[in-house]
C-alpha atoms as a PDB file:
ATOM      1  CA  UNK A   1      45.240  23.709  31.945  1.00  0.00           C
ATOM      2  CA  UNK A   2      45.611  20.896  28.867  1.00  0.00           C
ATOM      3  CA  UNK A   3      43.730  22.512  25.658  1.00  0.00           C
ATOM      4  CA  UNK A   4      41.586  19.786  24.159  1.00  0.00           C
ATOM      5  CA  UNK A   5      43.199  19.115  21.229  1.00  0.00           C
ATOM      6  CA  UNK A   6      46.807  18.820  22.800  1.00  0.00           C
ATOM      7  CA  UNK A   7      46.863  14.698  22.483  1.00  0.00           C
ATOM      8  CA  UNK A   8      45.639  15.033  18.664  1.00  0.00           C
ATOM      9  CA  UNK A   9      48.665  17.384  18.035  1.00  0.00           C
ATOM     10  CA  UNK A  10      51.535  15.604  19.944  1.00  0.00           C
ATOM     11  CA  UNK A  11      50.183  12.156  18.855  1.00  0.00           C
ATOM     12  CA  UNK A  12      47.684  11.312  15.998  1.00  0.00           C
ATOM     13  CA  UNK A  13      49.305  14.158  13.412  1.00  0.00           C
ATOM     14  CA  UNK A  14      52.958  12.728  14.054  1.00  0.00           C
ATOM     15  CA  UNK A  15      51.122   9.212  13.517  1.00  0.00           C
ATOM     16  CA  UNK A  16      49.388   9.711  10.487  1.00  0.00           C
ATOM     17  CA  UNK A  17      52.097  12.009   9.223  1.00  0.00           C
ATOM     18  CA  UNK A  18      54.676   8.943   9.915  1.00  0.00           C
ATOM     19  CA  UNK A  19      52.591   6.262   8.049  1.00  0.00           C
ATOM     20  CA  UNK A  20      51.812   8.614   5.447  1.00  0.00           C
ATOM     21  CA  UNK A  21      55.793   9.524   4.668  1.00  0.00           C
ATOM     22  CA  UNK A  22      56.579   6.003   4.898  1.00  0.00           C
ATOM     23  CA  UNK A  23      54.371   5.207   1.958  1.00  0.00           C
ATOM     24  CA  UNK A  24      54.998   7.429   0.075  1.00  0.00           C
ATOM     25  CA  UNK A  25      58.715   6.303   0.372  1.00  0.00           C
ATOM     26  CA  UNK A  26      57.491   2.906  -0.352  1.00  0.00           C
ATOM     27  CA  UNK A  27      55.920   4.386  -3.477  1.00  0.00           C
ATOM     28  CA  UNK A  28      58.974   6.286  -4.862  1.00  0.00           C
ATOM     29  CA  UNK A  29      58.781   9.574  -3.702  1.00  0.00           C
ATOM     30  CA  UNK A  30      61.801  11.227  -2.748  1.00  0.00           C
ATOM     31  CA  UNK A  31      61.699  12.825   1.189  1.00  0.00           C
ATOM     32  CA  UNK A  32      62.111  16.308  -0.360  1.00  0.00           C
ATOM     33  CA  UNK A  33      59.086  15.673  -2.384  1.00  0.00           C
ATOM     34  CA  UNK A  34      57.474  14.333   0.570  1.00  0.00           C
ATOM     35  CA  UNK A  35      58.325  17.251   2.277  1.00  0.00           C
ATOM     36  CA  UNK A  36      57.026  19.652   0.107  1.00  0.00           C
ATOM     37  CA  UNK A  37      53.551  18.286  -0.525  1.00  0.00           C
ATOM     38  CA  UNK A  38      53.229  17.671   3.510  1.00  0.00           C
ATOM     39  CA  UNK A  39      54.443  21.084   4.260  1.00  0.00           C
ATOM     40  CA  UNK A  40      56.826  19.930   6.536  1.00  0.00           C
ATOM     41  CA  UNK A  41      60.626  19.702   6.593  1.00  0.00           C
ATOM     42  CA  UNK A  42      62.850  16.870   4.888  1.00  0.00           C
ATOM     43  CA  UNK A  43      64.035  16.350   7.874  1.00  0.00           C
ATOM     44  CA  UNK A  44      61.109  15.547   9.848  1.00  0.00           C
ATOM     45  CA  UNK A  45      60.095  13.245   6.834  1.00  0.00           C
ATOM     46  CA  UNK A  46      63.515  11.558   7.479  1.00  0.00           C
ATOM     47  CA  UNK A  47      62.404  11.215  11.269  1.00  0.00           C
ATOM     48  CA  UNK A  48      59.158   9.813  10.804  1.00  0.00           C
ATOM     49  CA  UNK A  49      60.524   7.075   8.374  1.00  0.00           C
ATOM     50  CA  UNK A  50      63.349   6.306  10.940  1.00  0.00           C
ATOM     51  CA  UNK A  51      60.632   6.072  13.444  1.00  0.00           C
ATOM     52  CA  UNK A  52      61.817   8.859  15.641  1.00  0.00           C
ATOM     53  CA  UNK A  53      58.149  11.084  15.476  1.00  0.00           C
ATOM     54  CA  UNK A  54      55.102   9.355  15.143  1.00  0.00           C
ATOM     55  CA  UNK A  55      55.726   6.127  17.161  1.00  0.00           C
ATOM     56  CA  UNK A  56      53.720   6.271  20.303  1.00  0.00           C
ATOM     57  CA  UNK A  57      50.270   5.199  19.309  1.00  0.00           C
ATOM     58  CA  UNK A  58      48.557   2.847  17.137  1.00  0.00           C
ATOM     59  CA  UNK A  59      45.783   3.589  14.217  1.00  0.00           C
ATOM     60  CA  UNK A  60      43.922   0.627  13.769  1.00  0.00           C
ATOM     61  CA  UNK A  61      44.709  -1.650   9.873  1.00  0.00           C
ATOM     62  CA  UNK A  62      41.637   0.373   8.506  1.00  0.00           C
ATOM     63  CA  UNK A  63      42.865   3.633   9.112  1.00  0.00           C
ATOM     64  CA  UNK A  64      46.618   2.154   8.119  1.00  0.00           C
ATOM     65  CA  UNK A  65      44.649   1.759   5.068  1.00  0.00           C
ATOM     66  CA  UNK A  66      43.106   4.712   4.416  1.00  0.00           C
ATOM     67  CA  UNK A  67      46.711   6.328   4.784  1.00  0.00           C
ATOM     68  CA  UNK A  68      48.023   4.239   2.258  1.00  0.00           C
ATOM     69  CA  UNK A  69      44.869   5.026  -0.340  1.00  0.00           C
ATOM     70  CA  UNK A  70      45.530   8.294   0.184  1.00  0.00           C
ATOM     71  CA  UNK A  71      49.385   8.094  -0.463  1.00  0.00           C
ATOM     72  CA  UNK A  72      48.235   6.355  -3.914  1.00  0.00           C
ATOM     73  CA  UNK A  73      46.133   8.726  -4.561  1.00  0.00           C
ATOM     74  CA  UNK A  74      48.871  11.487  -3.988  1.00  0.00           C
ATOM     75  CA  UNK A  75      51.123   9.759  -6.645  1.00  0.00           C
ATOM     76  CA  UNK A  76      48.375   8.746  -9.146  1.00  0.00           C
ATOM     77  CA  UNK A  77      45.874  11.823  -9.400  1.00  0.00           C
ATOM     78  CA  UNK A  78      48.591  14.310  -8.071  1.00  0.00           C
ATOM     79  CA  UNK A  79      46.320  16.042  -5.177  1.00  0.00           C
ATOM     80  CA  UNK A  80      46.593  19.166  -4.283  1.00  0.00           C
ATOM     81  CA  UNK A  81      47.918  20.334  -1.253  1.00  0.00           C
ATOM     82  CA  UNK A  82      44.168  21.329  -0.192  1.00  0.00           C
ATOM     83  CA  UNK A  83      43.413  18.047  -1.108  1.00  0.00           C
ATOM     84  CA  UNK A  84      45.957  16.409   0.842  1.00  0.00           C
ATOM     85  CA  UNK A  85      44.707  18.254   3.709  1.00  0.00           C
ATOM     86  CA  UNK A  86      41.090  17.416   3.449  1.00  0.00           C
ATOM     87  CA  UNK A  87      41.915  14.120   3.569  1.00  0.00           C
ATOM     88  CA  UNK A  88      44.122  14.119   6.527  1.00  0.00           C
ATOM     89  CA  UNK A  89      41.316  15.817   8.568  1.00  0.00           C
ATOM     90  CA  UNK A  90      39.208  13.373   7.780  1.00  0.00           C
ATOM     91  CA  UNK A  91      41.634  10.508   8.494  1.00  0.00           C
ATOM     92  CA  UNK A  92      42.298  12.716  11.994  1.00  0.00           C
ATOM     93  CA  UNK A  93      38.808  12.882  12.649  1.00  0.00           C
ATOM     94  CA  UNK A  94      37.993   8.935  12.346  1.00  0.00           C
ATOM     95  CA  UNK A  95      40.657   8.314  15.149  1.00  0.00           C
ATOM     96  CA  UNK A  96      39.562  10.900  17.095  1.00  0.00           C
ATOM     97  CA  UNK A  97      35.852   9.343  16.859  1.00  0.00           C
ATOM     98  CA  UNK A  98      37.563   6.015  18.059  1.00  0.00           C
ATOM     99  CA  UNK A  99      39.897   6.919  20.335  1.00  0.00           C
ATOM    100  CA  UNK A 100      39.020   5.082  23.674  1.00  0.00           C
ATOM    101  CA  UNK A 101      40.128   7.670  26.184  1.00  0.00           C
ATOM    102  CA  UNK A 102      36.850   8.972  27.554  1.00  0.00           C
ATOM    103  CA  UNK A 103      38.007  12.425  29.071  1.00  0.00           C
ATOM    104  CA  UNK A 104      39.748  13.066  25.664  1.00  0.00           C
ATOM    105  CA  UNK A 105      36.864  12.229  23.734  1.00  0.00           C
ATOM    106  CA  UNK A 106      34.652  14.462  25.566  1.00  0.00           C
ATOM    107  CA  UNK A 107      37.340  17.406  25.218  1.00  0.00           C
ATOM    108  CA  UNK A 108      37.664  16.640  21.373  1.00  0.00           C
ATOM    109  CA  UNK A 109      33.497  16.554  20.715  1.00  0.00           C
ATOM    110  CA  UNK A 110      33.716  20.327  23.274  1.00  0.00           C
ATOM    111  CA  UNK A 111      36.076  21.946  20.934  1.00  0.00           C
ATOM    112  CA  UNK A 112      34.140  23.934  18.334  1.00  0.00           C
ATOM    113  CA  UNK A 113      37.530  24.303  16.162  1.00  0.00           C
ATOM    114  CA  UNK A 114      37.710  20.593  15.898  1.00  0.00           C
ATOM    115  CA  UNK A 115      33.645  19.803  15.009  1.00  0.00           C
ATOM    116  CA  UNK A 116      33.786  22.793  12.193  1.00  0.00           C
ATOM    117  CA  UNK A 117      37.207  21.855  10.839  1.00  0.00           C
END
């Protein structure tokens, strides 16, 4: 049995993290600092940067822009871990709302955890 949010966990979140890591690297943040802020290992950040993780889907220009904006806010405003999590969740929900796979979309919409955050 496939759980409703498995696709999100395996594809959407890694893609968001990969784009966020790349944006933060472009802004001059070290892999170690990015890993601390995102709550993942430095090795994961390295894999995101090299395209070994988070490469299996496209998010769209507007969502990529949201991620770049989040990266800028992380650097400029020193967002807390809680604020970063909320922003990533917001971006993830936007991606889920736009997914064209109607089966996944209906599964996600039925998931109380996803609806209630």
